[in-house]
Amino acid sequence: MSGAERRYNGCWAIAREILDFSLIVETHDGRLHVRPDNLDPIDDRAVRRQIAALLKRIQKLRKLELDRGAIAVLEILGKQTFLTEVEERLLMVLEDYYGIAKH
């Protein structure tokens, strides 16, 4: 991608709407309008499920007024296709701190 979308290079996204020549995708921090040739499919079903669950968890937190440290952690976690044990723990700490149930 180029321009303002360049910061999403290498990030995952979930397709939400298919248009004539583009797609609307959802990322960890918003929606983008992209051309299909700018996307690479994720073939692993387990990874796709993890990404969908991670997106929901991050979106719940992003609806709140967050500390800058929490925002920075979510930026990093939102670019991962799976979470390490430490990353999962960091997300759980944020959910606990802000009173968000995991599921």
PDB file of N, CA and C in Angstrom:
ATOM      1  N   MET A   1       0.833  -1.179   0.000  1.00  0.00           N
ATOM      2  CA  MET A   1       0.000   0.000   0.000  1.00  0.00           C
ATOM      3  C   MET A   1       0.873   1.237   0.000  1.00  0.00           C
ATOM      4  N   SER A   2       0.275   2.338  -0.302  1.00  0.00           N
ATOM      5  CA  SER A   2       1.042   3.576  -0.336  1.00  0.00           C
ATOM      6  C   SER A   2       0.291   4.668   0.411  1.00  0.00           C
ATOM      7  N   GLY A   3       0.924   5.802   0.522  1.00  0.00           N
ATOM      8  CA  GLY A   3       0.298   6.938   1.193  1.00  0.00           C
ATOM      9  C   GLY A   3       0.019   6.669   2.648  1.00  0.00           C
ATOM     10  N   ALA A   4      -1.129   7.144   3.126  1.00  0.00           N
ATOM     11  CA  ALA A   4      -1.497   7.009   4.537  1.00  0.00           C
ATOM     12  C   ALA A   4      -1.662   5.552   4.945  1.00  0.00           C
ATOM     13  N   GLU A   5      -1.985   4.683   3.976  1.00  0.00           N
ATOM     14  CA  GLU A   5      -2.179   3.264   4.291  1.00  0.00           C
ATOM     15  C   GLU A   5      -0.859   2.507   4.436  1.00  0.00           C
ATOM     16  N   ARG A   6       0.249   3.140   4.104  1.00  0.00           N
ATOM     17  CA  ARG A   6       1.548   2.472   4.142  1.00  0.00           C
ATOM     18  C   ARG A   6       1.833   1.859   5.519  1.00  0.00           C
ATOM     19  N   ARG A   7       1.350   2.482   6.585  1.00  0.00           N
ATOM     20  CA  ARG A   7       1.622   1.963   7.929  1.00  0.00           C
ATOM     21  C   ARG A   7       0.972   0.604   8.152  1.00  0.00           C
ATOM     22  N   TYR A   8       0.055   0.195   7.270  1.00  0.00           N
ATOM     23  CA  TYR A   8      -0.599  -1.101   7.393  1.00  0.00           C
ATOM     24  C   TYR A   8       0.111  -2.195   6.589  1.00  0.00           C
ATOM     25  N   ASN A   9       1.186  -1.862   5.897  1.00  0.00           N
ATOM     26  CA  ASN A   9       1.939  -2.875   5.164  1.00  0.00           C
ATOM     27  C   ASN A   9       2.396  -3.959   6.132  1.00  0.00           C
ATOM     28  N   GLY A  10       2.105  -5.200   5.787  1.00  0.00           N
ATOM     29  CA  GLY A  10       2.496  -6.315   6.635  1.00  0.00           C
ATOM     30  C   GLY A  10       1.508  -6.625   7.742  1.00  0.00           C
ATOM     31  N   CYS A  11       0.466  -5.837   7.896  1.00  0.00           N
ATOM     32  CA  CYS A  11      -0.544  -6.074   8.927  1.00  0.00           C
ATOM     33  C   CYS A  11      -1.647  -6.979   8.392  1.00  0.00           C
ATOM     34  N   TRP A  12      -2.317  -7.668   9.284  1.00  0.00           N
ATOM     35  CA  TRP A  12      -3.465  -8.467   8.876  1.00  0.00           C
ATOM     36  C   TRP A  12      -4.700  -7.600   8.841  1.00  0.00           C
ATOM     37  N   ALA A  13      -5.677  -8.064   8.078  1.00  0.00           N
ATOM     38  CA  ALA A  13      -6.960  -7.380   7.971  1.00  0.00           C
ATOM     39  C   ALA A  13      -8.027  -8.422   7.684  1.00  0.00           C
ATOM     40  N   ILE A  14      -9.250  -8.121   8.078  1.00  0.00           N
ATOM     41  CA  ILE A  14     -10.381  -9.013   7.832  1.00  0.00           C
ATOM     42  C   ILE A  14     -11.306  -8.327   6.833  1.00  0.00           C
ATOM     43  N   ALA A  15     -11.560  -9.010   5.717  1.00  0.00           N
ATOM     44  CA  ALA A  15     -12.450  -8.457   4.693  1.00  0.00           C
ATOM     45  C   ALA A  15     -13.866  -8.395   5.241  1.00  0.00           C
ATOM     46  N   ARG A  16     -14.501  -7.238   5.134  1.00  0.00           N
ATOM     47  CA  ARG A  16     -15.860  -7.054   5.641  1.00  0.00           C
ATOM     48  C   ARG A  16     -16.873  -6.814   4.536  1.00  0.00           C
ATOM     49  N   GLU A  17     -16.421  -6.203   3.426  1.00  0.00           N
ATOM     50  CA  GLU A  17     -17.343  -5.923   2.331  1.00  0.00           C
ATOM     51  C   GLU A  17     -16.587  -5.979   1.011  1.00  0.00           C
ATOM     52  N   ILE A  18     -17.144  -6.713   0.058  1.00  0.00           N
ATOM     53  CA  ILE A  18     -16.545  -6.818  -1.264  1.00  0.00           C
ATOM     54  C   ILE A  18     -17.304  -5.875  -2.193  1.00  0.00           C
ATOM     55  N   LEU A  19     -16.563  -4.963  -2.807  1.00  0.00           N
ATOM     56  CA  LEU A  19     -17.138  -4.004  -3.740  1.00  0.00           C
ATOM     57  C   LEU A  19     -16.723  -4.398  -5.159  1.00  0.00           C
ATOM     58  N   ASP A  20     -17.070  -3.607  -6.157  1.00  0.00           N
ATOM     59  CA  ASP A  20     -16.747  -3.945  -7.542  1.00  0.00           C
ATOM     60  C   ASP A  20     -15.251  -4.135  -7.781  1.00  0.00           C
ATOM     61  N   PHE A  21     -14.447  -3.176  -7.362  1.00  0.00           N
ATOM     62  CA  PHE A  21     -13.015  -3.234  -7.638  1.00  0.00           C
ATOM     63  C   PHE A  21     -12.153  -3.103  -6.386  1.00  0.00           C
ATOM     64  N   SER A  22     -12.769  -3.220  -5.226  1.00  0.00           N
ATOM     65  CA  SER A  22     -12.029  -3.067  -3.982  1.00  0.00           C
ATOM     66  C   SER A  22     -12.742  -3.803  -2.857  1.00  0.00           C
ATOM     67  N   LEU A  23     -12.131  -3.748  -1.697  1.00  0.00           N
ATOM     68  CA  LEU A  23     -12.705  -4.346  -0.493  1.00  0.00           C
ATOM     69  C   LEU A  23     -12.632  -3.351   0.645  1.00  0.00           C
ATOM     70  N   ILE A  24     -13.545  -3.486   1.578  1.00  0.00           N
ATOM     71  CA  ILE A  24     -13.430  -2.766   2.838  1.00  0.00           C
ATOM     72  C   ILE A  24     -12.951  -3.801   3.840  1.00  0.00           C
ATOM     73  N   VAL A  25     -11.820  -3.502   4.465  1.00  0.00           N
ATOM     74  CA  VAL A  25     -11.232  -4.425   5.432  1.00  0.00           C
ATOM     75  C   VAL A  25     -11.166  -3.765   6.794  1.00  0.00           C
ATOM     76  N   GLU A  26     -11.175  -4.598   7.809  1.00  0.00           N
ATOM     77  CA  GLU A  26     -11.090  -4.120   9.186  1.00  0.00           C
ATOM     78  C   GLU A  26      -9.722  -4.504   9.739  1.00  0.00           C
ATOM     79  N   THR A  27      -9.050  -3.522  10.307  1.00  0.00           N
ATOM     80  CA  THR A  27      -7.762  -3.752  10.951  1.00  0.00           C
ATOM     81  C   THR A  27      -7.927  -3.558  12.451  1.00  0.00           C
ATOM     82  N   HIS A  28      -6.847  -3.706  13.174  1.00  0.00           N
ATOM     83  CA  HIS A  28      -6.900  -3.564  14.632  1.00  0.00           C
ATOM     84  C   HIS A  28      -7.332  -2.180  15.082  1.00  0.00           C
ATOM     85  N   ASP A  29      -7.239  -1.189  14.207  1.00  0.00           N
ATOM     86  CA  ASP A  29      -7.593   0.164  14.639  1.00  0.00           C
ATOM     87  C   ASP A  29      -8.488   0.929  13.663  1.00  0.00           C
ATOM     88  N   GLY A  30      -9.188   0.216  12.806  1.00  0.00           N
ATOM     89  CA  GLY A  30     -10.108   0.910  11.911  1.00  0.00           C
ATOM     90  C   GLY A  30     -10.416   0.122  10.651  1.00  0.00           C
ATOM     91  N   ARG A  31     -11.011   0.816   9.709  1.00  0.00           N
ATOM     92  CA  ARG A  31     -11.390   0.212   8.422  1.00  0.00           C
ATOM     93  C   ARG A  31     -10.634   0.907   7.304  1.00  0.00           C
ATOM     94  N   LEU A  32     -10.331   0.125   6.271  1.00  0.00           N
ATOM     95  CA  LEU A  32      -9.645   0.646   5.097  1.00  0.00           C
ATOM     96  C   LEU A  32     -10.370   0.198   3.847  1.00  0.00           C
ATOM     97  N   HIS A  33     -10.226   0.972   2.810  1.00  0.00           N
ATOM     98  CA  HIS A  33     -10.738   0.662   1.481  1.00  0.00           C
ATOM     99  C   HIS A  33      -9.505   0.280   0.665  1.00  0.00           C
ATOM    100  N   VAL A  34      -9.382  -0.978   0.234  1.00  0.00           N
ATOM    101  CA  VAL A  34      -8.166  -1.438  -0.454  1.00  0.00           C
ATOM    102  C   VAL A  34      -8.500  -2.216  -1.724  1.00  0.00           C
ATOM    103  N   ARG A  35      -7.519  -2.295  -2.598  1.00  0.00           N
ATOM    104  CA  ARG A  35      -7.638  -3.124  -3.793  1.00  0.00           C
ATOM    105  C   ARG A  35      -7.250  -4.554  -3.426  1.00  0.00           C
ATOM    106  N   PRO A  36      -7.894  -5.537  -4.009  1.00  0.00           N
ATOM    107  CA  PRO A  36      -7.592  -6.933  -3.686  1.00  0.00           C
ATOM    108  C   PRO A  36      -6.130  -7.317  -3.925  1.00  0.00           C
ATOM    109  N   ASP A  37      -5.497  -6.708  -4.922  1.00  0.00           N
ATOM    110  CA  ASP A  37      -4.099  -7.066  -5.200  1.00  0.00           C
ATOM    111  C   ASP A  37      -3.139  -6.554  -4.131  1.00  0.00           C
ATOM    112  N   ASN A  38      -3.624  -5.762  -3.180  1.00  0.00           N
ATOM    113  CA  ASN A  38      -2.792  -5.317  -2.062  1.00  0.00           C
ATOM    114  C   ASN A  38      -2.891  -6.249  -0.861  1.00  0.00           C
ATOM    115  N   LEU A  39      -3.634  -7.331  -1.013  1.00  0.00           N
ATOM    116  CA  LEU A  39      -3.841  -8.263   0.100  1.00  0.00           C
ATOM    117  C   LEU A  39      -3.279  -9.640  -0.232  1.00  0.00           C
ATOM    118  N   ASP A  40      -2.756 -10.292   0.776  1.00  0.00           N
ATOM    119  CA  ASP A  40      -2.332 -11.687   0.664  1.00  0.00           C
ATOM    120  C   ASP A  40      -3.241 -12.511   1.553  1.00  0.00           C
ATOM    121  N   PRO A  41      -3.781 -13.617   1.041  1.00  0.00           N
ATOM    122  CA  PRO A  41      -4.682 -14.433   1.869  1.00  0.00           C
ATOM    123  C   PRO A  41      -3.929 -15.152   2.983  1.00  0.00           C
ATOM    124  N   ILE A  42      -4.634 -15.409   4.069  1.00  0.00           N
ATOM    125  CA  ILE A  42      -4.109 -16.234   5.155  1.00  0.00           C
ATOM    126  C   ILE A  42      -4.836 -17.562   5.043  1.00  0.00           C
ATOM    127  N   ASP A  43      -4.102 -18.597   4.660  1.00  0.00           N
ATOM    128  CA  ASP A  43      -4.719 -19.891   4.367  1.00  0.00           C
ATOM    129  C   ASP A  43      -5.013 -20.730   5.612  1.00  0.00           C
ATOM    130  N   ASP A  44      -4.284 -20.532   6.663  1.00  0.00           N
ATOM    131  CA  ASP A  44      -4.430 -21.343   7.872  1.00  0.00           C
ATOM    132  C   ASP A  44      -5.704 -20.954   8.624  1.00  0.00           C
ATOM    133  N   ARG A  45      -6.655 -21.881   8.725  1.00  0.00           N
ATOM    134  CA  ARG A  45      -7.930 -21.598   9.397  1.00  0.00           C
ATOM    135  C   ARG A  45      -7.757 -21.244  10.865  1.00  0.00           C
ATOM    136  N   ALA A  46      -6.826 -21.913  11.533  1.00  0.00           N
ATOM    137  CA  ALA A  46      -6.597 -21.632  12.956  1.00  0.00           C
ATOM    138  C   ALA A  46      -6.115 -20.195  13.138  1.00  0.00           C
ATOM    139  N   VAL A  47      -5.231 -19.753  12.256  1.00  0.00           N
ATOM    140  CA  VAL A  47      -4.731 -18.374  12.333  1.00  0.00           C
ATOM    141  C   VAL A  47      -5.871 -17.398  12.062  1.00  0.00           C
ATOM    142  N   ARG A  48      -6.726 -17.699  11.087  1.00  0.00           N
ATOM    143  CA  ARG A  48      -7.863 -16.817  10.800  1.00  0.00           C
ATOM    144  C   ARG A  48      -8.791 -16.698  12.005  1.00  0.00           C
ATOM    145  N   ARG A  49      -9.032 -17.807  12.697  1.00  0.00           N
ATOM    146  CA  ARG A  49      -9.874 -17.762  13.907  1.00  0.00           C
ATOM    147  C   ARG A  49      -9.212 -16.918  14.990  1.00  0.00           C
ATOM    148  N   GLN A  50      -7.901 -17.102  15.172  1.00  0.00           N
ATOM    149  CA  GLN A  50      -7.184 -16.341  16.191  1.00  0.00           C
ATOM    150  C   GLN A  50      -7.235 -14.847  15.887  1.00  0.00           C
ATOM    151  N   ILE A  51      -7.082 -14.500  14.625  1.00  0.00           N
ATOM    152  CA  ILE A  51      -7.112 -13.096  14.231  1.00  0.00           C
ATOM    153  C   ILE A  51      -8.490 -12.502  14.502  1.00  0.00           C
ATOM    154  N   ALA A  52      -9.539 -13.230  14.166  1.00  0.00           N
ATOM    155  CA  ALA A  52     -10.896 -12.734  14.409  1.00  0.00           C
ATOM    156  C   ALA A  52     -11.137 -12.509  15.898  1.00  0.00           C
ATOM    157  N   ALA A  53     -10.696 -13.439  16.724  1.00  0.00           N
ATOM    158  CA  ALA A  53     -10.858 -13.294  18.175  1.00  0.00           C
ATOM    159  C   ALA A  53     -10.015 -12.131  18.697  1.00  0.00           C
ATOM    160  N   LEU A  54      -8.801 -12.011  18.198  1.00  0.00           N
ATOM    161  CA  LEU A  54      -7.918 -10.920  18.618  1.00  0.00           C
ATOM    162  C   LEU A  54      -8.515  -9.570  18.231  1.00  0.00           C
ATOM    163  N   LEU A  55      -9.079  -9.476  17.030  1.00  0.00           N
ATOM    164  CA  LEU A  55      -9.705  -8.229  16.598  1.00  0.00           C
ATOM    165  C   LEU A  55     -10.820  -7.818  17.553  1.00  0.00           C
ATOM    166  N   LYS A  56     -11.672  -8.748  17.933  1.00  0.00           N
ATOM    167  CA  LYS A  56     -12.767  -8.440  18.858  1.00  0.00           C
ATOM    168  C   LYS A  56     -12.244  -7.930  20.191  1.00  0.00           C
ATOM    169  N   ARG A  57     -11.219  -8.587  20.696  1.00  0.00           N
ATOM    170  CA  ARG A  57     -10.664  -8.186  21.994  1.00  0.00           C
ATOM    171  C   ARG A  57     -10.049  -6.792  21.929  1.00  0.00           C
ATOM    172  N   ILE A  58      -9.304  -6.520  20.865  1.00  0.00           N
ATOM    173  CA  ILE A  58      -8.671  -5.209  20.724  1.00  0.00           C
ATOM    174  C   ILE A  58      -9.727  -4.125  20.524  1.00  0.00           C
ATOM    175  N   GLN A  59     -10.757  -4.411  19.736  1.00  0.00           N
ATOM    176  CA  GLN A  59     -11.810  -3.422  19.503  1.00  0.00           C
ATOM    177  C   GLN A  59     -12.540  -3.060  20.788  1.00  0.00           C
ATOM    178  N   LYS A  60     -12.777  -4.033  21.655  1.00  0.00           N
ATOM    179  CA  LYS A  60     -13.427  -3.736  22.941  1.00  0.00           C
ATOM    180  C   LYS A  60     -12.604  -2.729  23.733  1.00  0.00           C
ATOM    181  N   LEU A  61     -11.296  -2.939  23.748  1.00  0.00           N
ATOM    182  CA  LEU A  61     -10.425  -2.030  24.490  1.00  0.00           C
ATOM    183  C   LEU A  61     -10.357  -0.658  23.825  1.00  0.00           C
ATOM    184  N   ARG A  62     -10.284  -0.622  22.512  1.00  0.00           N
ATOM    185  CA  ARG A  62     -10.147   0.648  21.798  1.00  0.00           C
ATOM    186  C   ARG A  62     -11.357   1.556  21.948  1.00  0.00           C
ATOM    187  N   LYS A  63     -12.489   1.012  22.357  1.00  0.00           N
ATOM    188  CA  LYS A  63     -13.685   1.826  22.573  1.00  0.00           C
ATOM    189  C   LYS A  63     -13.569   2.676  23.839  1.00  0.00           C
ATOM    190  N   LEU A  64     -12.574   2.361  24.668  1.00  0.00           N
ATOM    191  CA  LEU A  64     -12.393   3.055  25.937  1.00  0.00           C
ATOM    192  C   LEU A  64     -11.351   4.157  25.818  1.00  0.00           C
ATOM    193  N   GLU A  65     -11.309   5.009  26.818  1.00  0.00           N
ATOM    194  CA  GLU A  65     -10.255   6.014  26.887  1.00  0.00           C
ATOM    195  C   GLU A  65      -9.030   5.337  27.497  1.00  0.00           C
ATOM    196  N   LEU A  66      -8.021   5.127  26.679  1.00  0.00           N
ATOM    197  CA  LEU A  66      -6.855   4.347  27.080  1.00  0.00           C
ATOM    198  C   LEU A  66      -5.645   5.214  27.363  1.00  0.00           C
ATOM    199  N   ASP A  67      -4.803   4.723  28.234  1.00  0.00           N
ATOM    200  CA  ASP A  67      -3.498   5.313  28.509  1.00  0.00           C
ATOM    201  C   ASP A  67      -2.615   5.122  27.273  1.00  0.00           C
ATOM    202  N   ARG A  68      -1.661   6.007  27.078  1.00  0.00           N
ATOM    203  CA  ARG A  68      -0.789   5.898  25.907  1.00  0.00           C
ATOM    204  C   ARG A  68      -0.008   4.586  25.878  1.00  0.00           C
ATOM    205  N   GLY A  69       0.326   4.051  27.050  1.00  0.00           N
ATOM    206  CA  GLY A  69       1.019   2.760  27.091  1.00  0.00           C
ATOM    207  C   GLY A  69       0.135   1.631  26.581  1.00  0.00           C
ATOM    208  N   ALA A  70      -1.147   1.683  26.946  1.00  0.00           N
ATOM    209  CA  ALA A  70      -2.095   0.673  26.472  1.00  0.00           C
ATOM    210  C   ALA A  70      -2.258   0.773  24.957  1.00  0.00           C
ATOM    211  N   ILE A  71      -2.327   1.992  24.448  1.00  0.00           N
ATOM    212  CA  ILE A  71      -2.454   2.196  23.007  1.00  0.00           C
ATOM    213  C   ILE A  71      -1.241   1.629  22.284  1.00  0.00           C
ATOM    214  N   ALA A  72      -0.043   1.858  22.829  1.00  0.00           N
ATOM    215  CA  ALA A  72       1.182   1.350  22.206  1.00  0.00           C
ATOM    216  C   ALA A  72       1.198  -0.179  22.183  1.00  0.00           C
ATOM    217  N   VAL A  73       0.778  -0.801  23.277  1.00  0.00           N
ATOM    218  CA  VAL A  73       0.730  -2.268  23.325  1.00  0.00           C
ATOM    219  C   VAL A  73      -0.259  -2.795  22.292  1.00  0.00           C
ATOM    220  N   LEU A  74      -1.430  -2.175  22.192  1.00  0.00           N
ATOM    221  CA  LEU A  74      -2.431  -2.627  21.222  1.00  0.00           C
ATOM    222  C   LEU A  74      -1.955  -2.450  19.785  1.00  0.00           C
ATOM    223  N   GLU A  75      -1.183  -1.407  19.517  1.00  0.00           N
ATOM    224  CA  GLU A  75      -0.618  -1.210  18.176  1.00  0.00           C
ATOM    225  C   GLU A  75       0.276  -2.392  17.795  1.00  0.00           C
ATOM    226  N   ILE A  76       1.097  -2.834  18.728  1.00  0.00           N
ATOM    227  CA  ILE A  76       2.007  -3.956  18.464  1.00  0.00           C
ATOM    228  C   ILE A  76       1.226  -5.262  18.355  1.00  0.00           C
ATOM    229  N   LEU A  77       0.314  -5.503  19.285  1.00  0.00           N
ATOM    230  CA  LEU A  77      -0.459  -6.745  19.266  1.00  0.00           C
ATOM    231  C   LEU A  77      -1.343  -6.835  18.027  1.00  0.00           C
ATOM    232  N   GLY A  78      -1.814  -5.696  17.543  1.00  0.00           N
ATOM    233  CA  GLY A  78      -2.674  -5.669  16.375  1.00  0.00           C
ATOM    234  C   GLY A  78      -1.979  -6.013  15.079  1.00  0.00           C
ATOM    235  N   LYS A  79      -0.682  -6.169  15.118  1.00  0.00           N
ATOM    236  CA  LYS A  79       0.075  -6.532  13.920  1.00  0.00           C
ATOM    237  C   LYS A  79       0.518  -7.994  13.936  1.00  0.00           C
ATOM    238  N   GLN A  80       0.187  -8.705  15.011  1.00  0.00           N
ATOM    239  CA  GLN A  80       0.611 -10.096  15.150  1.00  0.00           C
ATOM    240  C   GLN A  80      -0.492 -11.036  14.668  1.00  0.00           C
ATOM    241  N   THR A  81      -0.099 -12.127  14.003  1.00  0.00           N
ATOM    242  CA  THR A  81      -1.103 -13.110  13.571  1.00  0.00           C
ATOM    243  C   THR A  81      -1.379 -14.134  14.659  1.00  0.00           C
ATOM    244  N   PHE A  82      -0.503 -14.241  15.625  1.00  0.00           N
ATOM    245  CA  PHE A  82      -0.734 -15.061  16.812  1.00  0.00           C
ATOM    246  C   PHE A  82       0.013 -14.402  17.960  1.00  0.00           C
ATOM    247  N   LEU A  83      -0.438 -14.658  19.167  1.00  0.00           N
ATOM    248  CA  LEU A  83       0.193 -14.034  20.329  1.00  0.00           C
ATOM    249  C   LEU A  83       1.088 -15.027  21.047  1.00  0.00           C
ATOM    250  N   THR A  84       2.252 -14.545  21.450  1.00  0.00           N
ATOM    251  CA  THR A  84       3.115 -15.353  22.300  1.00  0.00           C
ATOM    252  C   THR A  84       2.485 -15.389  23.695  1.00  0.00           C
ATOM    253  N   GLU A  85       3.042 -16.183  24.568  1.00  0.00           N
ATOM    254  CA  GLU A  85       2.522 -16.263  25.936  1.00  0.00           C
ATOM    255  C   GLU A  85       2.595 -14.898  26.630  1.00  0.00           C
ATOM    256  N   VAL A  86       3.690 -14.188  26.426  1.00  0.00           N
ATOM    257  CA  VAL A  86       3.859 -12.867  27.041  1.00  0.00           C
ATOM    258  C   VAL A  86       2.858 -11.873  26.445  1.00  0.00           C
ATOM    259  N   GLU A  87       2.674 -11.894  25.124  1.00  0.00           N
ATOM    260  CA  GLU A  87       1.722 -10.987  24.491  1.00  0.00           C
ATOM    261  C   GLU A  87       0.295 -11.259  24.958  1.00  0.00           C
ATOM    262  N   GLU A  88      -0.061 -12.533  25.078  1.00  0.00           N
ATOM    263  CA  GLU A  88      -1.384 -12.902  25.583  1.00  0.00           C
ATOM    264  C   GLU A  88      -1.569 -12.368  26.999  1.00  0.00           C
ATOM    265  N   ARG A  89      -0.535 -12.488  27.818  1.00  0.00           N
ATOM    266  CA  ARG A  89      -0.599 -11.994  29.188  1.00  0.00           C
ATOM    267  C   ARG A  89      -0.768 -10.478  29.220  1.00  0.00           C
ATOM    268  N   LEU A  90      -0.041  -9.762  28.347  1.00  0.00           N
ATOM    269  CA  LEU A  90      -0.178  -8.308  28.282  1.00  0.00           C
ATOM    270  C   LEU A  90      -1.608  -7.904  27.919  1.00  0.00           C
ATOM    271  N   LEU A  91      -2.197  -8.600  26.957  1.00  0.00           N
ATOM    272  CA  LEU A  91      -3.574  -8.304  26.568  1.00  0.00           C
ATOM    273  C   LEU A  91      -4.524  -8.597  27.717  1.00  0.00           C
ATOM    274  N   MET A  92      -4.310  -9.680  28.421  1.00  0.00           N
ATOM    275  CA  MET A  92      -5.153 -10.024  29.569  1.00  0.00           C
ATOM    276  C   MET A  92      -5.039  -8.968  30.675  1.00  0.00           C
ATOM    277  N   VAL A  93      -3.829  -8.477  30.900  1.00  0.00           N
ATOM    278  CA  VAL A  93      -3.631  -7.434  31.914  1.00  0.00           C
ATOM    279  C   VAL A  93      -4.418  -6.179  31.534  1.00  0.00           C
ATOM    280  N   LEU A  94      -4.356  -5.790  30.268  1.00  0.00           N
ATOM    281  CA  LEU A  94      -5.123  -4.623  29.822  1.00  0.00           C
ATOM    282  C   LEU A  94      -6.620  -4.854  29.972  1.00  0.00           C
ATOM    283  N   GLU A  95      -7.092  -6.039  29.596  1.00  0.00           N
ATOM    284  CA  GLU A  95      -8.511  -6.354  29.749  1.00  0.00           C
ATOM    285  C   GLU A  95      -8.929  -6.305  31.211  1.00  0.00           C
ATOM    286  N   ASP A  96      -8.107  -6.856  32.085  1.00  0.00           N
ATOM    287  CA  ASP A  96      -8.402  -6.816  33.514  1.00  0.00           C
ATOM    288  C   ASP A  96      -8.389  -5.387  34.044  1.00  0.00           C
ATOM    289  N   TYR A  97      -7.375  -4.620  33.674  1.00  0.00           N
ATOM    290  CA  TYR A  97      -7.234  -3.263  34.175  1.00  0.00           C
ATOM    291  C   TYR A  97      -8.426  -2.396  33.773  1.00  0.00           C
ATOM    292  N   TYR A  98      -8.880  -2.555  32.527  1.00  0.00           N
ATOM    293  CA  TYR A  98      -9.984  -1.740  32.026  1.00  0.00           C
ATOM    294  C   TYR A  98     -11.357  -2.397  32.220  1.00  0.00           C
ATOM    295  N   GLY A  99     -11.389  -3.540  32.902  1.00  0.00           N
ATOM    296  CA  GLY A  99     -12.652  -4.179  33.227  1.00  0.00           C
ATOM    297  C   GLY A  99     -13.374  -4.814  32.053  1.00  0.00           C
ATOM    298  N   ILE A 100     -12.609  -5.312  31.107  1.00  0.00           N
ATOM    299  CA  ILE A 100     -13.176  -5.952  29.904  1.00  0.00           C
ATOM    300  C   ILE A 100     -13.065  -7.467  30.081  1.00  0.00           C
ATOM    301  N   ALA A 101     -14.205  -8.142  29.951  1.00  0.00           N
ATOM    302  CA  ALA A 101     -14.201  -9.609  30.009  1.00  0.00           C
ATOM    303  C   ALA A 101     -13.562 -10.135  28.735  1.00  0.00           C
ATOM    304  N   LYS A 102     -12.758 -11.187  28.861  1.00  0.00           N
ATOM    305  CA  LYS A 102     -12.038 -11.736  27.711  1.00  0.00           C
ATOM    306  C   LYS A 102     -12.998 -12.229  26.646  1.00  0.00           C
ATOM    307  N   HIS A 103     -14.062 -12.866  27.022  1.00  0.00           N
ATOM    308  CA  HIS A 103     -14.995 -13.412  26.008  1.00  0.00           C
ATOM    309  C   HIS A 103     -16.386 -12.927  26.265  1.00  0.00           C
TER     310      HIS A 103
END
